[in-house]
Amino acid sequence: MGEWSDYFEDFPEENPANYDESGRYDPNGIQRQERAKADYAQQRLDEVLKQKGVFHRRPSKE
């Protein structure tokens, strides 16, 4: 018997994590939400550091 993760790779529509709160199929929704949260947190951090006069260099995305 295989692992559940193997099953969900073959049938992503059966994975409950691929659905948003309203029940629509959205396999990349969680990744987009997490990226939006991280971007917002970085933006707020940059604003606070700018107000304090601390210059902060963002790490390059590679």
PDB file of N, CA and C in Angstrom:
ATOM      1  N   MET A   1       0.850  -1.176   0.000  1.00  0.00           N
ATOM      2  CA  MET A   1       0.000   0.000   0.000  1.00  0.00           C
ATOM      3  C   MET A   1       0.893   1.235   0.000  1.00  0.00           C
ATOM      4  N   GLY A   2       0.603   2.177  -0.840  1.00  0.00           N
ATOM      5  CA  GLY A   2       1.429   3.370  -0.961  1.00  0.00           C
ATOM      6  C   GLY A   2       1.101   4.422   0.083  1.00  0.00           C
ATOM      7  N   GLU A   3       1.873   5.466   0.061  1.00  0.00           N
ATOM      8  CA  GLU A   3       1.668   6.593   0.964  1.00  0.00           C
ATOM      9  C   GLU A   3       0.545   7.487   0.449  1.00  0.00           C
ATOM     10  N   TRP A   4      -0.083   8.222   1.357  1.00  0.00           N
ATOM     11  CA  TRP A   4      -1.137   9.159   0.944  1.00  0.00           C
ATOM     12  C   TRP A   4      -0.589  10.225   0.011  1.00  0.00           C
ATOM     13  N   SER A   5       0.625  10.658   0.255  1.00  0.00           N
ATOM     14  CA  SER A   5       1.199  11.707  -0.594  1.00  0.00           C
ATOM     15  C   SER A   5       1.329  11.238  -2.039  1.00  0.00           C
ATOM     16  N   ASP A   6       1.600   9.957  -2.247  1.00  0.00           N
ATOM     17  CA  ASP A   6       1.656   9.419  -3.612  1.00  0.00           C
ATOM     18  C   ASP A   6       0.296   9.512  -4.281  1.00  0.00           C
ATOM     19  N   TYR A   7      -0.742   9.216  -3.537  1.00  0.00           N
ATOM     20  CA  TYR A   7      -2.102   9.283  -4.076  1.00  0.00           C
ATOM     21  C   TYR A   7      -2.446  10.716  -4.474  1.00  0.00           C
ATOM     22  N   PHE A   8      -2.118  11.683  -3.613  1.00  0.00           N
ATOM     23  CA  PHE A   8      -2.458  13.078  -3.891  1.00  0.00           C
ATOM     24  C   PHE A   8      -1.650  13.638  -5.056  1.00  0.00           C
ATOM     25  N   GLU A   9      -0.455  13.112  -5.296  1.00  0.00           N
ATOM     26  CA  GLU A   9       0.304  13.538  -6.471  1.00  0.00           C
ATOM     27  C   GLU A   9      -0.401  13.100  -7.750  1.00  0.00           C
ATOM     28  N   ASP A  10      -0.974  11.910  -7.727  1.00  0.00           N
ATOM     29  CA  ASP A  10      -1.689  11.402  -8.901  1.00  0.00           C
ATOM     30  C   ASP A  10      -3.067  12.039  -9.064  1.00  0.00           C
ATOM     31  N   PHE A  11      -3.711  12.370  -7.945  1.00  0.00           N
ATOM     32  CA  PHE A  11      -5.066  12.922  -7.964  1.00  0.00           C
ATOM     33  C   PHE A  11      -5.118  14.178  -7.090  1.00  0.00           C
ATOM     34  N   PRO A  12      -4.564  15.299  -7.557  1.00  0.00           N
ATOM     35  CA  PRO A  12      -4.520  16.502  -6.722  1.00  0.00           C
ATOM     36  C   PRO A  12      -5.900  17.044  -6.374  1.00  0.00           C
ATOM     37  N   GLU A  13      -6.909  16.728  -7.175  1.00  0.00           N
ATOM     38  CA  GLU A  13      -8.252  17.223  -6.879  1.00  0.00           C
ATOM     39  C   GLU A  13      -8.849  16.547  -5.643  1.00  0.00           C
ATOM     40  N   GLU A  14      -8.256  15.443  -5.177  1.00  0.00           N
ATOM     41  CA  GLU A  14      -8.723  14.749  -3.981  1.00  0.00           C
ATOM     42  C   GLU A  14      -8.084  15.299  -2.703  1.00  0.00           C
ATOM     43  N   ASN A  15      -7.067  16.127  -2.826  1.00  0.00           N
ATOM     44  CA  ASN A  15      -6.366  16.674  -1.668  1.00  0.00           C
ATOM     45  C   ASN A  15      -7.160  17.850  -1.110  1.00  0.00           C
ATOM     46  N   PRO A  16      -7.654  17.775   0.123  1.00  0.00           N
ATOM     47  CA  PRO A  16      -8.448  18.869   0.681  1.00  0.00           C
ATOM     48  C   PRO A  16      -7.661  20.173   0.826  1.00  0.00           C
ATOM     49  N   ALA A  17      -6.344  20.103   0.861  1.00  0.00           N
ATOM     50  CA  ALA A  17      -5.535  21.319   0.967  1.00  0.00           C
ATOM     51  C   ALA A  17      -5.538  22.124  -0.323  1.00  0.00           C
ATOM     52  N   ASN A  18      -6.009  21.544  -1.417  1.00  0.00           N
ATOM     53  CA  ASN A  18      -6.043  22.246  -2.697  1.00  0.00           C
ATOM     54  C   ASN A  18      -7.330  23.039  -2.911  1.00  0.00           C
ATOM     55  N   TYR A  19      -8.148  23.168  -1.877  1.00  0.00           N
ATOM     56  CA  TYR A  19      -9.403  23.909  -1.983  1.00  0.00           C
ATOM     57  C   TYR A  19      -9.351  25.120  -1.068  1.00  0.00           C
ATOM     58  N   ASP A  20      -9.922  26.250  -1.546  1.00  0.00           N
ATOM     59  CA  ASP A  20      -9.948  27.445  -0.711  1.00  0.00           C
ATOM     60  C   ASP A  20     -11.132  27.375   0.257  1.00  0.00           C
ATOM     61  N   GLU A  21     -11.325  28.444   1.039  1.00  0.00           N
ATOM     62  CA  GLU A  21     -12.354  28.454   2.073  1.00  0.00           C
ATOM     63  C   GLU A  21     -13.762  28.314   1.506  1.00  0.00           C
ATOM     64  N   SER A  22     -13.982  28.778   0.284  1.00  0.00           N
ATOM     65  CA  SER A  22     -15.321  28.710  -0.307  1.00  0.00           C
ATOM     66  C   SER A  22     -15.542  27.418  -1.090  1.00  0.00           C
ATOM     67  N   GLY A  23     -14.571  26.515  -1.092  1.00  0.00           N
ATOM     68  CA  GLY A  23     -14.731  25.226  -1.728  1.00  0.00           C
ATOM     69  C   GLY A  23     -14.295  25.157  -3.180  1.00  0.00           C
ATOM     70  N   ARG A  24     -13.674  26.214  -3.695  1.00  0.00           N
ATOM     71  CA  ARG A  24     -13.192  26.196  -5.081  1.00  0.00           C
ATOM     72  C   ARG A  24     -11.827  25.521  -5.141  1.00  0.00           C
ATOM     73  N   TYR A  25     -11.601  24.786  -6.206  1.00  0.00           N
ATOM     74  CA  TYR A  25     -10.322  24.111  -6.424  1.00  0.00           C
ATOM     75  C   TYR A  25      -9.267  25.147  -6.770  1.00  0.00           C
ATOM     76  N   ASP A  26      -8.242  25.253  -5.931  1.00  0.00           N
ATOM     77  CA  ASP A  26      -7.189  26.246  -6.117  1.00  0.00           C
ATOM     78  C   ASP A  26      -5.878  25.670  -5.578  1.00  0.00           C
ATOM     79  N   PRO A  27      -5.178  24.856  -6.377  1.00  0.00           N
ATOM     80  CA  PRO A  27      -3.996  24.161  -5.858  1.00  0.00           C
ATOM     81  C   PRO A  27      -2.847  25.079  -5.461  1.00  0.00           C
ATOM     82  N   ASN A  28      -2.763  26.278  -6.012  1.00  0.00           N
ATOM     83  CA  ASN A  28      -1.670  27.185  -5.664  1.00  0.00           C
ATOM     84  C   ASN A  28      -2.111  28.293  -4.718  1.00  0.00           C
ATOM     85  N   GLY A  29      -3.312  28.225  -4.219  1.00  0.00           N
ATOM     86  CA  GLY A  29      -3.856  29.276  -3.364  1.00  0.00           C
ATOM     87  C   GLY A  29      -3.090  29.463  -2.068  1.00  0.00           C
ATOM     88  N   ILE A  30      -2.736  28.385  -1.419  1.00  0.00           N
ATOM     89  CA  ILE A  30      -2.014  28.473  -0.149  1.00  0.00           C
ATOM     90  C   ILE A  30      -0.660  29.133  -0.359  1.00  0.00           C
ATOM     91  N   GLN A  31       0.028  28.762  -1.423  1.00  0.00           N
ATOM     92  CA  GLN A  31       1.332  29.364  -1.701  1.00  0.00           C
ATOM     93  C   GLN A  31       1.197  30.859  -1.956  1.00  0.00           C
ATOM     94  N   ARG A  32       0.158  31.257  -2.692  1.00  0.00           N
ATOM     95  CA  ARG A  32      -0.057  32.688  -2.945  1.00  0.00           C
ATOM     96  C   ARG A  32      -0.368  33.432  -1.653  1.00  0.00           C
ATOM     97  N   GLN A  33      -1.191  32.834  -0.788  1.00  0.00           N
ATOM     98  CA  GLN A  33      -1.527  33.477   0.480  1.00  0.00           C
ATOM     99  C   GLN A  33      -0.295  33.640   1.357  1.00  0.00           C
ATOM    100  N   GLU A  34       0.513  32.615   1.453  1.00  0.00           N
ATOM    101  CA  GLU A  34       1.725  32.686   2.269  1.00  0.00           C
ATOM    102  C   GLU A  34       2.706  33.716   1.717  1.00  0.00           C
ATOM    103  N   ARG A  35       2.848  33.792   0.395  1.00  0.00           N
ATOM    104  CA  ARG A  35       3.729  34.769  -0.231  1.00  0.00           C
ATOM    105  C   ARG A  35       3.216  36.183   0.044  1.00  0.00           C
ATOM    106  N   ALA A  36       1.896  36.379  -0.032  1.00  0.00           N
ATOM    107  CA  ALA A  36       1.309  37.695   0.234  1.00  0.00           C
ATOM    108  C   ALA A  36       1.547  38.101   1.689  1.00  0.00           C
ATOM    109  N   LYS A  37       1.401  37.159   2.625  1.00  0.00           N
ATOM    110  CA  LYS A  37       1.661  37.452   4.040  1.00  0.00           C
ATOM    111  C   LYS A  37       3.122  37.835   4.254  1.00  0.00           C
ATOM    112  N   ALA A  38       4.029  37.084   3.641  1.00  0.00           N
ATOM    113  CA  ALA A  38       5.460  37.359   3.796  1.00  0.00           C
ATOM    114  C   ALA A  38       5.825  38.708   3.184  1.00  0.00           C
ATOM    115  N   ASP A  39       5.265  39.025   2.027  1.00  0.00           N
ATOM    116  CA  ASP A  39       5.538  40.317   1.394  1.00  0.00           C
ATOM    117  C   ASP A  39       5.018  41.465   2.250  1.00  0.00           C
ATOM    118  N   TYR A  40       3.821  41.303   2.827  1.00  0.00           N
ATOM    119  CA  TYR A  40       3.252  42.344   3.681  1.00  0.00           C
ATOM    120  C   TYR A  40       4.098  42.526   4.941  1.00  0.00           C
ATOM    121  N   ALA A  41       4.536  41.426   5.541  1.00  0.00           N
ATOM    122  CA  ALA A  41       5.375  41.515   6.736  1.00  0.00           C
ATOM    123  C   ALA A  41       6.695  42.209   6.419  1.00  0.00           C
ATOM    124  N   GLN A  42       7.274  41.917   5.269  1.00  0.00           N
ATOM    125  CA  GLN A  42       8.522  42.564   4.870  1.00  0.00           C
ATOM    126  C   GLN A  42       8.309  44.051   4.638  1.00  0.00           C
ATOM    127  N   GLN A  43       7.187  44.401   4.035  1.00  0.00           N
ATOM    128  CA  GLN A  43       6.868  45.810   3.793  1.00  0.00           C
ATOM    129  C   GLN A  43       6.727  46.563   5.112  1.00  0.00           C
ATOM    130  N   ARG A  44       6.035  45.973   6.085  1.00  0.00           N
ATOM    131  CA  ARG A  44       5.873  46.616   7.393  1.00  0.00           C
ATOM    132  C   ARG A  44       7.224  46.747   8.099  1.00  0.00           C
ATOM    133  N   LEU A  45       8.067  45.725   8.004  1.00  0.00           N
ATOM    134  CA  LEU A  45       9.389  45.780   8.611  1.00  0.00           C
ATOM    135  C   LEU A  45      10.214  46.899   7.992  1.00  0.00           C
ATOM    136  N   ASP A  46      10.163  47.019   6.678  1.00  0.00           N
ATOM    137  CA  ASP A  46      10.892  48.087   5.996  1.00  0.00           C
ATOM    138  C   ASP A  46      10.416  49.463   6.454  1.00  0.00           C
ATOM    139  N   GLU A  47       9.096  49.621   6.642  1.00  0.00           N
ATOM    140  CA  GLU A  47       8.552  50.902   7.095  1.00  0.00           C
ATOM    141  C   GLU A  47       9.042  51.239   8.498  1.00  0.00           C
ATOM    142  N   VAL A  48       9.024  50.266   9.400  1.00  0.00           N
ATOM    143  CA  VAL A  48       9.469  50.493  10.775  1.00  0.00           C
ATOM    144  C   VAL A  48      10.951  50.841  10.807  1.00  0.00           C
ATOM    145  N   LEU A  49      11.752  50.102  10.063  1.00  0.00           N
ATOM    146  CA  LEU A  49      13.187  50.380  10.042  1.00  0.00           C
ATOM    147  C   LEU A  49      13.483  51.740   9.426  1.00  0.00           C
ATOM    148  N   LYS A  50      12.713  52.129   8.425  1.00  0.00           N
ATOM    149  CA  LYS A  50      12.904  53.439   7.810  1.00  0.00           C
ATOM    150  C   LYS A  50      12.576  54.547   8.805  1.00  0.00           C
ATOM    151  N   GLN A  51      11.509  54.358   9.592  1.00  0.00           N
ATOM    152  CA  GLN A  51      11.137  55.346  10.600  1.00  0.00           C
ATOM    153  C   GLN A  51      12.218  55.476  11.667  1.00  0.00           C
ATOM    154  N   LYS A  52      12.876  54.389  11.989  1.00  0.00           N
ATOM    155  CA  LYS A  52      13.926  54.413  12.999  1.00  0.00           C
ATOM    156  C   LYS A  52      15.259  54.868  12.435  1.00  0.00           C
ATOM    157  N   GLY A  53      15.332  55.009  11.126  1.00  0.00           N
ATOM    158  CA  GLY A  53      16.566  55.457  10.508  1.00  0.00           C
ATOM    159  C   GLY A  53      17.566  54.345  10.266  1.00  0.00           C
ATOM    160  N   VAL A  54      17.120  53.131  10.318  1.00  0.00           N
ATOM    161  CA  VAL A  54      17.985  51.981  10.077  1.00  0.00           C
ATOM    162  C   VAL A  54      17.787  51.548   8.635  1.00  0.00           C
ATOM    163  N   PHE A  55      18.880  51.423   7.924  1.00  0.00           N
ATOM    164  CA  PHE A  55      18.775  51.003   6.535  1.00  0.00           C
ATOM    165  C   PHE A  55      18.912  49.491   6.474  1.00  0.00           C
ATOM    166  N   HIS A  56      17.995  48.905   5.792  1.00  0.00           N
ATOM    167  CA  HIS A  56      17.922  47.444   5.727  1.00  0.00           C
ATOM    168  C   HIS A  56      17.967  47.021   4.272  1.00  0.00           C
ATOM    169  N   ARG A  57      18.894  46.160   3.943  1.00  0.00           N
ATOM    170  CA  ARG A  57      19.000  45.658   2.573  1.00  0.00           C
ATOM    171  C   ARG A  57      18.297  44.310   2.498  1.00  0.00           C
ATOM    172  N   ARG A  58      17.355  44.214   1.574  1.00  0.00           N
ATOM    173  CA  ARG A  58      16.634  42.959   1.390  1.00  0.00           C
ATOM    174  C   ARG A  58      17.562  41.917   0.778  1.00  0.00           C
ATOM    175  N   PRO A  59      17.414  40.689   1.210  1.00  0.00           N
ATOM    176  CA  PRO A  59      18.218  39.631   0.576  1.00  0.00           C
ATOM    177  C   PRO A  59      17.764  39.425  -0.858  1.00  0.00           C
ATOM    178  N   SER A  60      18.705  39.148  -1.718  1.00  0.00           N
ATOM    179  CA  SER A  60      18.359  38.935  -3.124  1.00  0.00           C
ATOM    180  C   SER A  60      17.676  37.588  -3.277  1.00  0.00           C
ATOM    181  N   LYS A  61      16.708  37.536  -4.183  1.00  0.00           N
ATOM    182  CA  LYS A  61      15.985  36.291  -4.449  1.00  0.00           C
ATOM    183  C   LYS A  61      16.695  35.557  -5.572  1.00  0.00           C
ATOM    184  N   GLU A  62      17.287  34.448  -5.236  1.00  0.00           N
ATOM    185  CA  GLU A  62      18.012  33.653  -6.238  1.00  0.00           C
ATOM    186  C   GLU A  62      17.525  32.249  -6.250  1.00  0.00           C
TER     187      GLU A  62
END
